[in-house]
Amino acid sequence: MSVVRPRVLVVSVTLLVLSSMRREKAFDLHTAPAAELLGWLGHANKWFRRQAVLELAWRGERGALPELERRARDGKNAHAFDAVCALHLLGGLTDDVATALLQHEDPYVRRWVVRCIGDAGDASAALAGALRALAERETHPEVRTQLVCSVRRLPAAVALPIVRIML
C-alpha cells in the first residue's frame, strides 16, 4: 500500500491552485490616462477600483466628473459606490447630485452620501428636505444609523426635524 506524504500533497494542491489562477496583464495605475482609470472602476476586484479612485483624486482629474456622475446615478451599476467616492474626493458631489443620489437603489450609496453631507457640516434647504424625505422612507438599518449619526453635525434647524421623524 502506498502512503501519500502530507507535504507532497500540500505542494501539489498549491501548485494546482496557483497554475489555475487568472493573471492580470501588466498595469501601472500611476501613469494610466484618466479614461483607463475610469475603466478600472468596473473591475471585479475592489483593490483596483479603490486605487483608481485614489489616483483620480490625487491627480485632481476634474475632467472625469461627468462620467463619474453618470456612473454614480446609474442604478444598475454594481460599483456606483466607487464612483460616488471619486465624485466626493474631486469635489463633484454638489447639492443636486447628492439629492438625486439619496434616492439611489443601492443603500450603501445612500449611506455614503448622508455621511458626506454630515462631514460638510451644513445642508442647503433643498438638501435638508431630501434628508427629511429619506428619514421618512428609509428602511435599511445602516442608512438609518448613518442618518442619525450625521445629523448630529448639522445645524439644529436641519437636524431636529429629521430626528423627530426618526423617533
Foldseek 3Di string as FASTA:
>chain_A
DDDDDPVVVVVVVVVVVVVPDDDDDDDDLLPDDLVVLVVQLLDPDVVSLQVSLVNCLVVLVVVCLVVLLVLLLDLPRPSNLSSLSSCLSNVNCDLVSLLSQCPHPDLSSVLVSLLSCLVVLEDDPSSLVSLQVSLQPDDDVSSNVSNLVSLVSHDCVSSVSSVVSND
